[in-house]
Amino acid sequence: MSGRNDEQLDGVSLLGNQGTKYLYEYDPAILEVFENQHPYRDTVVKFNCPEFTSLCPKTGQPDFANVIIRYIPDKKMVESKSLKLYLFSFRNHGDFHEDCMNIILNDLKELMEPRYIEVWGKFTPRGGISIDPYVNWGNPGTKYEEMANYRLMNHDLYPEKVDNR
């Protein structure tokens, strides 16, 4: 079994780059993709970002969340370091929790054109309440659209005990 060659990694510039710049303003242009070597198979890719931060658009106070991104790629996959830097770019971005999760889904959907994608923000409480927005999308007219509808209807039927936030 052989690994990827430089041509297959064309466009991946952040991985291994020691001069990484951290952006403090939302920037989807930082996202990079690479070719899925197994487009013939459904593969679920899951990312956990337990240190996501954005700002409340009204108060400017920080909001913290564990953001979970799960997708089934088609031809392209998101490069993880670029995803980390992209999520970090929300640090000074002022938007409501629900908007942030929709923006992330929309940016990744446009970037990769996946078969299926979902984004779930599990925010820490502020003012005694936590907000956990969940958004998803499945390729229309396919089993992935059916999957998206099913997962949305059955999302969080058995929520976890919230004792660590």
N, C-alpha and C. Protein backbone atom coordinates (compact mmCIF):
# COMPACT_ATOMS: atom_id res chain seq x y z
N MET A 1 0.85 -1.17 0.00
CA MET A 1 0.00 0.00 0.00
C MET A 1 0.90 1.24 0.00
N SER A 2 0.62 2.17 -0.87
CA SER A 2 1.44 3.38 -0.94
C SER A 2 0.65 4.57 -0.42
N GLY A 3 1.37 5.60 0.01
CA GLY A 3 0.74 6.81 0.52
C GLY A 3 0.48 7.79 -0.60
N ARG A 4 0.07 8.97 -0.23
CA ARG A 4 -0.23 10.02 -1.20
C ARG A 4 1.07 10.65 -1.69
N ASN A 5 1.04 11.09 -2.93
CA ASN A 5 2.19 11.82 -3.45
C ASN A 5 1.91 13.32 -3.40
N ASP A 6 2.93 14.13 -3.69
CA ASP A 6 2.79 15.59 -3.60
C ASP A 6 1.69 16.12 -4.51
N GLU A 7 1.52 15.52 -5.66
CA GLU A 7 0.48 15.98 -6.59
C GLU A 7 -0.91 15.78 -5.98
N GLN A 8 -1.11 14.68 -5.26
CA GLN A 8 -2.41 14.42 -4.63
C GLN A 8 -2.66 15.37 -3.47
N LEU A 9 -1.61 15.96 -2.92
CA LEU A 9 -1.75 16.90 -1.81
C LEU A 9 -1.63 18.35 -2.26
N ASP A 10 -1.70 18.57 -3.55
CA ASP A 10 -1.67 19.93 -4.08
C ASP A 10 -2.82 20.72 -3.48
N GLY A 11 -2.54 21.89 -2.95
CA GLY A 11 -3.56 22.71 -2.32
C GLY A 11 -3.58 22.59 -0.81
N VAL A 12 -2.85 21.61 -0.26
CA VAL A 12 -2.75 21.47 1.19
C VAL A 12 -1.45 22.15 1.60
N SER A 13 -1.55 23.36 2.11
CA SER A 13 -0.35 24.14 2.42
C SER A 13 -0.13 24.36 3.92
N LEU A 14 -1.16 24.16 4.73
CA LEU A 14 -1.04 24.47 6.16
C LEU A 14 -0.45 23.32 6.96
N LEU A 15 -0.74 22.08 6.56
CA LEU A 15 -0.25 20.91 7.26
C LEU A 15 1.27 20.86 7.18
N GLY A 16 1.92 20.83 8.33
CA GLY A 16 3.38 20.78 8.37
C GLY A 16 4.04 22.15 8.26
N ASN A 17 3.27 23.19 8.08
CA ASN A 17 3.80 24.54 7.96
C ASN A 17 4.10 25.07 9.36
N GLN A 18 5.36 25.38 9.61
CA GLN A 18 5.77 25.85 10.94
C GLN A 18 5.47 27.33 11.16
N GLY A 19 5.13 28.05 10.11
CA GLY A 19 4.85 29.48 10.22
C GLY A 19 3.36 29.78 10.27
N THR A 20 2.59 28.96 10.93
CA THR A 20 1.14 29.11 10.98
C THR A 20 0.74 30.44 11.59
N LYS A 21 -0.16 31.14 10.91
CA LYS A 21 -0.72 32.39 11.44
C LYS A 21 -2.13 32.10 11.93
N TYR A 22 -2.43 32.52 13.14
CA TYR A 22 -3.76 32.34 13.70
C TYR A 22 -4.57 33.60 13.43
N LEU A 23 -5.72 33.40 12.79
CA LEU A 23 -6.60 34.51 12.47
C LEU A 23 -7.60 34.69 13.60
N TYR A 24 -7.90 35.91 13.91
CA TYR A 24 -8.85 36.20 14.98
C TYR A 24 -10.18 36.73 14.44
N GLU A 25 -10.33 36.74 13.15
CA GLU A 25 -11.58 37.14 12.51
C GLU A 25 -12.02 36.03 11.58
N TYR A 26 -13.31 35.80 11.52
CA TYR A 26 -13.89 34.74 10.69
C TYR A 26 -13.36 34.79 9.27
N ASP A 27 -12.87 33.65 8.78
CA ASP A 27 -12.32 33.59 7.44
C ASP A 27 -12.46 32.19 6.84
N PRO A 28 -13.47 31.95 6.00
CA PRO A 28 -13.62 30.63 5.39
C PRO A 28 -12.57 30.32 4.33
N ALA A 29 -11.83 31.34 3.87
CA ALA A 29 -10.82 31.13 2.84
C ALA A 29 -9.66 30.28 3.34
N ILE A 30 -9.53 30.12 4.64
CA ILE A 30 -8.43 29.33 5.18
C ILE A 30 -8.64 27.83 5.00
N LEU A 31 -9.88 27.41 4.74
CA LEU A 31 -10.18 25.98 4.59
C LEU A 31 -9.51 25.40 3.35
N GLU A 32 -8.95 24.20 3.51
CA GLU A 32 -8.30 23.48 2.41
C GLU A 32 -8.90 22.08 2.29
N VAL A 33 -8.85 21.55 1.09
CA VAL A 33 -9.36 20.19 0.84
C VAL A 33 -8.29 19.33 0.20
N PHE A 34 -8.52 18.03 0.26
CA PHE A 34 -7.69 17.09 -0.48
C PHE A 34 -8.62 16.02 -1.05
N GLU A 35 -8.10 15.25 -1.99
CA GLU A 35 -8.89 14.26 -2.70
C GLU A 35 -9.18 13.05 -1.81
N ASN A 36 -10.42 12.61 -1.80
CA ASN A 36 -10.83 11.40 -1.11
C ASN A 36 -10.32 10.20 -1.91
N GLN A 37 -9.48 9.39 -1.32
CA GLN A 37 -8.92 8.23 -2.01
C GLN A 37 -9.89 7.05 -2.07
N HIS A 38 -11.03 7.16 -1.38
CA HIS A 38 -11.99 6.06 -1.33
C HIS A 38 -13.42 6.55 -1.59
N PRO A 39 -13.66 7.23 -2.71
CA PRO A 39 -15.00 7.78 -2.97
C PRO A 39 -16.05 6.71 -3.24
N TYR A 40 -15.63 5.50 -3.47
CA TYR A 40 -16.55 4.39 -3.74
C TYR A 40 -17.18 3.85 -2.45
N ARG A 41 -16.71 4.31 -1.29
CA ARG A 41 -17.19 3.79 -0.01
C ARG A 41 -17.68 4.94 0.86
N ASP A 42 -18.79 4.72 1.55
CA ASP A 42 -19.24 5.70 2.54
C ASP A 42 -18.34 5.61 3.76
N THR A 43 -17.72 6.71 4.09
CA THR A 43 -16.86 6.82 5.25
C THR A 43 -17.36 7.97 6.10
N VAL A 44 -17.58 7.74 7.38
CA VAL A 44 -17.99 8.82 8.27
C VAL A 44 -16.74 9.43 8.89
N VAL A 45 -16.60 10.73 8.74
CA VAL A 45 -15.49 11.47 9.32
C VAL A 45 -16.07 12.35 10.41
N LYS A 46 -15.48 12.29 11.60
CA LYS A 46 -16.00 13.07 12.73
C LYS A 46 -14.88 13.91 13.34
N PHE A 47 -15.18 15.17 13.57
CA PHE A 47 -14.25 16.09 14.25
C PHE A 47 -14.92 16.59 15.53
N ASN A 48 -14.15 16.67 16.59
CA ASN A 48 -14.60 17.29 17.84
C ASN A 48 -13.72 18.50 18.09
N CYS A 49 -14.34 19.62 18.35
CA CYS A 49 -13.61 20.84 18.68
C CYS A 49 -14.12 21.33 20.03
N PRO A 50 -13.52 20.84 21.14
CA PRO A 50 -14.03 21.18 22.47
C PRO A 50 -13.68 22.59 22.94
N GLU A 51 -12.95 23.35 22.14
CA GLU A 51 -12.52 24.69 22.55
C GLU A 51 -13.00 25.77 21.59
N PHE A 52 -14.16 25.57 20.97
CA PHE A 52 -14.72 26.56 20.06
C PHE A 52 -15.13 27.80 20.85
N THR A 53 -14.84 28.96 20.28
CA THR A 53 -15.19 30.23 20.91
C THR A 53 -15.73 31.19 19.86
N SER A 54 -16.81 31.87 20.21
CA SER A 54 -17.33 32.97 19.40
C SER A 54 -17.81 34.04 20.38
N LEU A 55 -18.33 35.12 19.85
CA LEU A 55 -18.79 36.22 20.71
C LEU A 55 -20.29 36.44 20.54
N CYS A 56 -20.94 36.77 21.64
CA CYS A 56 -22.35 37.16 21.58
C CYS A 56 -22.42 38.48 20.80
N PRO A 57 -23.30 38.55 19.78
CA PRO A 57 -23.36 39.78 18.98
C PRO A 57 -23.95 40.97 19.72
N LYS A 58 -24.64 40.73 20.83
CA LYS A 58 -25.25 41.83 21.58
C LYS A 58 -24.36 42.31 22.72
N THR A 59 -23.76 41.36 23.46
CA THR A 59 -23.00 41.75 24.66
C THR A 59 -21.49 41.75 24.44
N GLY A 60 -21.04 41.04 23.39
CA GLY A 60 -19.60 40.92 23.16
C GLY A 60 -18.94 39.91 24.08
N GLN A 61 -19.73 39.24 24.93
CA GLN A 61 -19.16 38.25 25.84
C GLN A 61 -18.83 36.97 25.08
N PRO A 62 -17.80 36.25 25.51
CA PRO A 62 -17.42 35.02 24.82
C PRO A 62 -18.40 33.89 25.09
N ASP A 63 -18.60 33.08 24.07
CA ASP A 63 -19.39 31.86 24.18
C ASP A 63 -18.46 30.70 23.85
N PHE A 64 -18.56 29.63 24.61
CA PHE A 64 -17.69 28.48 24.44
C PHE A 64 -18.52 27.25 24.12
N ALA A 65 -17.99 26.37 23.27
CA ALA A 65 -18.75 25.18 22.90
C ALA A 65 -17.82 24.04 22.51
N ASN A 66 -18.38 22.85 22.58
CA ASN A 66 -17.78 21.70 21.90
C ASN A 66 -18.55 21.59 20.59
N VAL A 67 -17.86 21.77 19.49
CA VAL A 67 -18.49 21.66 18.17
C VAL A 67 -18.13 20.30 17.59
N ILE A 68 -19.16 19.58 17.19
CA ILE A 68 -18.97 18.26 16.59
C ILE A 68 -19.40 18.35 15.13
N ILE A 69 -18.49 17.99 14.25
CA ILE A 69 -18.74 17.99 12.81
C ILE A 69 -18.62 16.55 12.34
N ARG A 70 -19.65 16.07 11.68
CA ARG A 70 -19.65 14.71 11.15
C ARG A 70 -20.08 14.79 9.70
N TYR A 71 -19.32 14.13 8.80
CA TYR A 71 -19.71 14.16 7.40
C TYR A 71 -19.32 12.88 6.67
N ILE A 72 -19.98 12.66 5.53
CA ILE A 72 -19.64 11.58 4.62
C ILE A 72 -19.14 12.25 3.35
N PRO A 73 -17.84 12.14 3.07
CA PRO A 73 -17.29 12.84 1.90
C PRO A 73 -17.71 12.19 0.59
N ASP A 74 -17.60 12.97 -0.46
CA ASP A 74 -17.73 12.44 -1.82
C ASP A 74 -16.33 12.45 -2.42
N LYS A 75 -16.01 13.46 -3.19
CA LYS A 75 -14.69 13.50 -3.85
C LYS A 75 -13.63 14.25 -3.04
N LYS A 76 -14.09 15.17 -2.17
CA LYS A 76 -13.14 16.01 -1.43
C LYS A 76 -13.34 15.86 0.08
N MET A 77 -12.23 16.04 0.80
CA MET A 77 -12.26 16.00 2.27
C MET A 77 -11.57 17.25 2.81
N VAL A 78 -12.02 17.72 3.96
CA VAL A 78 -11.41 18.91 4.55
C VAL A 78 -10.13 18.52 5.28
N GLU A 79 -9.11 19.32 5.12
CA GLU A 79 -7.83 19.08 5.81
C GLU A 79 -7.98 19.57 7.25
N SER A 80 -7.58 18.76 8.21
CA SER A 80 -7.90 19.02 9.62
C SER A 80 -7.22 20.25 10.21
N LYS A 81 -5.99 20.55 9.82
CA LYS A 81 -5.35 21.75 10.38
C LYS A 81 -6.05 23.00 9.87
N SER A 82 -6.44 23.01 8.61
CA SER A 82 -7.15 24.17 8.09
C SER A 82 -8.51 24.31 8.78
N LEU A 83 -9.14 23.18 9.09
CA LEU A 83 -10.41 23.23 9.82
C LEU A 83 -10.21 23.80 11.22
N LYS A 84 -9.15 23.39 11.88
CA LYS A 84 -8.84 23.92 13.21
C LYS A 84 -8.64 25.44 13.15
N LEU A 85 -7.88 25.91 12.19
CA LEU A 85 -7.63 27.35 12.06
C LEU A 85 -8.91 28.10 11.68
N TYR A 86 -9.73 27.48 10.84
CA TYR A 86 -11.02 28.08 10.47
C TYR A 86 -11.91 28.22 11.70
N LEU A 87 -12.05 27.15 12.48
CA LEU A 87 -12.88 27.23 13.68
C LEU A 87 -12.32 28.26 14.66
N PHE A 88 -10.99 28.35 14.75
CA PHE A 88 -10.34 29.34 15.60
C PHE A 88 -10.66 30.76 15.14
N SER A 89 -10.91 30.92 13.83
CA SER A 89 -11.18 32.27 13.30
C SER A 89 -12.52 32.84 13.78
N PHE A 90 -13.34 32.02 14.44
CA PHE A 90 -14.60 32.50 15.00
C PHE A 90 -14.38 33.21 16.34
N ARG A 91 -13.16 33.18 16.85
CA ARG A 91 -12.84 33.70 18.19
C ARG A 91 -13.39 35.10 18.45
N ASN A 92 -13.31 35.98 17.47
CA ASN A 92 -13.82 37.34 17.63
C ASN A 92 -15.03 37.60 16.74
N HIS A 93 -15.66 36.54 16.27
CA HIS A 93 -16.82 36.66 15.40
C HIS A 93 -18.08 36.77 16.26
N GLY A 94 -18.86 37.78 16.03
CA GLY A 94 -20.09 37.99 16.80
C GLY A 94 -21.30 37.47 16.08
N ASP A 95 -21.81 36.34 16.54
CA ASP A 95 -23.03 35.76 15.98
C ASP A 95 -23.68 34.87 17.02
N PHE A 96 -24.97 34.66 16.89
CA PHE A 96 -25.67 33.75 17.78
C PHE A 96 -25.22 32.32 17.53
N HIS A 97 -25.39 31.46 18.53
CA HIS A 97 -24.95 30.06 18.45
C HIS A 97 -25.49 29.38 17.19
N GLU A 98 -26.80 29.55 16.96
CA GLU A 98 -27.44 28.90 15.83
C GLU A 98 -26.84 29.37 14.51
N ASP A 99 -26.53 30.67 14.42
CA ASP A 99 -25.94 31.20 13.20
C ASP A 99 -24.55 30.63 12.96
N CYS A 100 -23.75 30.54 14.01
CA CYS A 100 -22.39 29.99 13.87
C CYS A 100 -22.43 28.58 13.31
N MET A 101 -23.33 27.74 13.82
CA MET A 101 -23.40 26.35 13.36
C MET A 101 -23.86 26.28 11.91
N ASN A 102 -24.81 27.13 11.52
CA ASN A 102 -25.25 27.17 10.13
C ASN A 102 -24.16 27.68 9.20
N ILE A 103 -23.40 28.66 9.63
CA ILE A 103 -22.30 29.19 8.83
C ILE A 103 -21.26 28.10 8.59
N ILE A 104 -20.90 27.38 9.65
CA ILE A 104 -19.92 26.29 9.52
C ILE A 104 -20.41 25.24 8.54
N LEU A 105 -21.67 24.82 8.68
CA LEU A 105 -22.21 23.82 7.76
C LEU A 105 -22.18 24.34 6.33
N ASN A 106 -22.63 25.57 6.13
CA ASN A 106 -22.68 26.13 4.77
C ASN A 106 -21.28 26.22 4.15
N ASP A 107 -20.30 26.68 4.92
CA ASP A 107 -18.94 26.81 4.40
C ASP A 107 -18.36 25.44 4.02
N LEU A 108 -18.54 24.45 4.89
CA LEU A 108 -18.00 23.11 4.61
C LEU A 108 -18.74 22.43 3.46
N LYS A 109 -20.04 22.65 3.37
CA LYS A 109 -20.82 22.09 2.28
C LYS A 109 -20.35 22.66 0.94
N GLU A 110 -20.14 23.98 0.91
CA GLU A 110 -19.66 24.62 -0.32
C GLU A 110 -18.25 24.15 -0.68
N LEU A 111 -17.41 24.00 0.32
CA LEU A 111 -16.01 23.61 0.11
C LEU A 111 -15.88 22.19 -0.42
N MET A 112 -16.56 21.24 0.22
CA MET A 112 -16.34 19.82 -0.06
C MET A 112 -17.39 19.17 -0.94
N GLU A 113 -18.60 19.70 -0.95
CA GLU A 113 -19.72 19.06 -1.62
C GLU A 113 -19.86 17.62 -1.12
N PRO A 114 -20.03 17.45 0.21
CA PRO A 114 -20.11 16.10 0.77
C PRO A 114 -21.45 15.44 0.44
N ARG A 115 -21.52 14.15 0.71
CA ARG A 115 -22.79 13.44 0.56
C ARG A 115 -23.74 13.80 1.70
N TYR A 116 -23.15 13.95 2.89
CA TYR A 116 -23.93 14.26 4.09
C TYR A 116 -23.03 15.04 5.04
N ILE A 117 -23.64 15.97 5.81
CA ILE A 117 -22.87 16.71 6.83
C ILE A 117 -23.81 17.15 7.94
N GLU A 118 -23.27 17.16 9.17
CA GLU A 118 -24.00 17.69 10.31
C GLU A 118 -23.02 18.42 11.22
N VAL A 119 -23.54 19.45 11.88
CA VAL A 119 -22.75 20.27 12.81
C VAL A 119 -23.60 20.46 14.06
N TRP A 120 -22.99 20.18 15.21
CA TRP A 120 -23.69 20.27 16.49
C TRP A 120 -22.84 21.08 17.44
N GLY A 121 -23.38 22.18 17.94
CA GLY A 121 -22.69 23.01 18.92
C GLY A 121 -23.27 22.77 20.30
N LYS A 122 -22.43 22.33 21.21
CA LYS A 122 -22.86 22.09 22.59
C LYS A 122 -22.22 23.20 23.44
N PHE A 123 -22.95 24.28 23.60
CA PHE A 123 -22.41 25.48 24.24
C PHE A 123 -22.51 25.39 25.76
N THR A 124 -21.52 25.99 26.43
CA THR A 124 -21.56 26.06 27.89
C THR A 124 -22.61 27.10 28.29
N PRO A 125 -23.22 26.90 29.46
CA PRO A 125 -24.29 27.82 29.87
C PRO A 125 -23.78 29.23 30.12
N ARG A 126 -24.65 30.16 29.79
CA ARG A 126 -24.46 31.55 30.19
C ARG A 126 -25.82 32.02 30.64
N GLY A 127 -25.89 32.60 31.81
CA GLY A 127 -27.17 33.02 32.35
C GLY A 127 -28.04 31.85 32.76
N GLY A 128 -27.40 30.72 33.04
CA GLY A 128 -28.13 29.56 33.54
C GLY A 128 -28.76 28.68 32.47
N ILE A 129 -28.42 28.90 31.19
CA ILE A 129 -29.00 28.08 30.12
C ILE A 129 -27.94 27.79 29.07
N SER A 130 -27.94 26.55 28.60
CA SER A 130 -27.05 26.22 27.49
C SER A 130 -27.89 26.06 26.23
N ILE A 131 -27.28 26.34 25.10
CA ILE A 131 -27.96 26.24 23.81
C ILE A 131 -27.14 25.27 22.97
N ASP A 132 -27.80 24.28 22.40
CA ASP A 132 -27.11 23.23 21.64
C ASP A 132 -27.68 23.09 20.23
N PRO A 133 -27.39 24.03 19.32
CA PRO A 133 -27.96 23.95 17.98
C PRO A 133 -27.36 22.81 17.16
N TYR A 134 -28.22 22.15 16.39
CA TYR A 134 -27.84 21.05 15.52
C TYR A 134 -28.37 21.35 14.13
N VAL A 135 -27.52 21.26 13.13
CA VAL A 135 -27.94 21.44 11.74
C VAL A 135 -27.36 20.31 10.90
N ASN A 136 -28.08 19.94 9.85
CA ASN A 136 -27.54 18.91 8.97
C ASN A 136 -28.03 19.12 7.55
N TRP A 137 -27.44 18.36 6.63
CA TRP A 137 -27.80 18.44 5.22
C TRP A 137 -27.41 17.13 4.56
N GLY A 138 -28.27 16.64 3.66
CA GLY A 138 -27.97 15.46 2.84
C GLY A 138 -28.22 15.78 1.39
N ASN A 139 -27.40 15.22 0.52
CA ASN A 139 -27.49 15.46 -0.91
C ASN A 139 -28.91 15.16 -1.39
N PRO A 140 -29.62 16.15 -1.96
CA PRO A 140 -31.02 15.98 -2.37
C PRO A 140 -31.22 14.83 -3.36
N GLY A 141 -32.33 14.12 -3.17
CA GLY A 141 -32.69 13.04 -4.07
C GLY A 141 -31.91 11.76 -3.86
N THR A 142 -31.16 11.67 -2.77
CA THR A 142 -30.36 10.48 -2.48
C THR A 142 -30.71 9.94 -1.10
N LYS A 143 -30.12 8.81 -0.78
CA LYS A 143 -30.32 8.23 0.56
C LYS A 143 -29.78 9.16 1.65
N TYR A 144 -28.87 10.05 1.29
CA TYR A 144 -28.29 10.98 2.26
C TYR A 144 -29.29 12.05 2.67
N GLU A 145 -30.18 12.43 1.76
CA GLU A 145 -31.26 13.34 2.12
C GLU A 145 -32.21 12.66 3.10
N GLU A 146 -32.51 11.40 2.84
CA GLU A 146 -33.35 10.62 3.77
C GLU A 146 -32.66 10.49 5.12
N MET A 147 -31.36 10.24 5.09
CA MET A 147 -30.58 10.13 6.33
C MET A 147 -30.64 11.43 7.12
N ALA A 148 -30.50 12.56 6.43
CA ALA A 148 -30.54 13.87 7.10
C ALA A 148 -31.90 14.08 7.76
N ASN A 149 -32.97 13.76 7.06
CA ASN A 149 -34.31 13.91 7.64
C ASN A 149 -34.48 13.01 8.87
N TYR A 150 -34.04 11.78 8.75
CA TYR A 150 -34.16 10.83 9.86
C TYR A 150 -33.36 11.30 11.07
N ARG A 151 -32.11 11.70 10.82
CA ARG A 151 -31.25 12.14 11.94
C ARG A 151 -31.79 13.41 12.58
N LEU A 152 -32.36 14.30 11.80
CA LEU A 152 -32.94 15.52 12.36
C LEU A 152 -34.15 15.19 13.23
N MET A 153 -35.01 14.32 12.73
CA MET A 153 -36.22 13.96 13.49
C MET A 153 -35.88 13.20 14.78
N ASN A 154 -34.78 12.48 14.77
CA ASN A 154 -34.41 11.66 15.92
C ASN A 154 -33.25 12.24 16.72
N HIS A 155 -32.84 13.44 16.38
CA HIS A 155 -31.70 14.05 17.05
C HIS A 155 -31.98 14.28 18.53
N ASP A 156 -31.05 13.87 19.33
CA ASP A 156 -31.06 14.17 20.77
C ASP A 156 -32.31 13.66 21.48
N LEU A 157 -32.82 12.51 21.05
CA LEU A 157 -33.97 11.93 21.73
C LEU A 157 -33.61 11.52 23.16
N TYR A 158 -32.36 11.18 23.34
CA TYR A 158 -31.88 10.77 24.66
C TYR A 158 -30.70 11.65 25.04
N PRO A 159 -30.97 12.90 25.40
CA PRO A 159 -29.86 13.82 25.69
C PRO A 159 -29.02 13.35 26.87
N GLU A 160 -27.75 13.68 26.79
CA GLU A 160 -26.84 13.30 27.87
C GLU A 160 -27.16 14.08 29.13
N LYS A 161 -26.72 13.52 30.25
CA LYS A 161 -26.85 14.24 31.51
C LYS A 161 -25.86 15.39 31.49
N VAL A 162 -26.34 16.60 31.62
CA VAL A 162 -25.47 17.76 31.54
C VAL A 162 -24.98 18.09 32.97
N ASP A 163 -23.81 17.58 33.28
CA ASP A 163 -23.26 17.86 34.62
C ASP A 163 -21.81 18.32 34.55
N ASN A 164 -21.30 18.46 33.35
CA ASN A 164 -19.90 18.84 33.20
C ASN A 164 -19.73 20.16 32.48
N ARG A 165 -20.78 20.92 32.37
CA ARG A 165 -20.65 22.21 31.68
C ARG A 165 -21.01 23.31 32.63
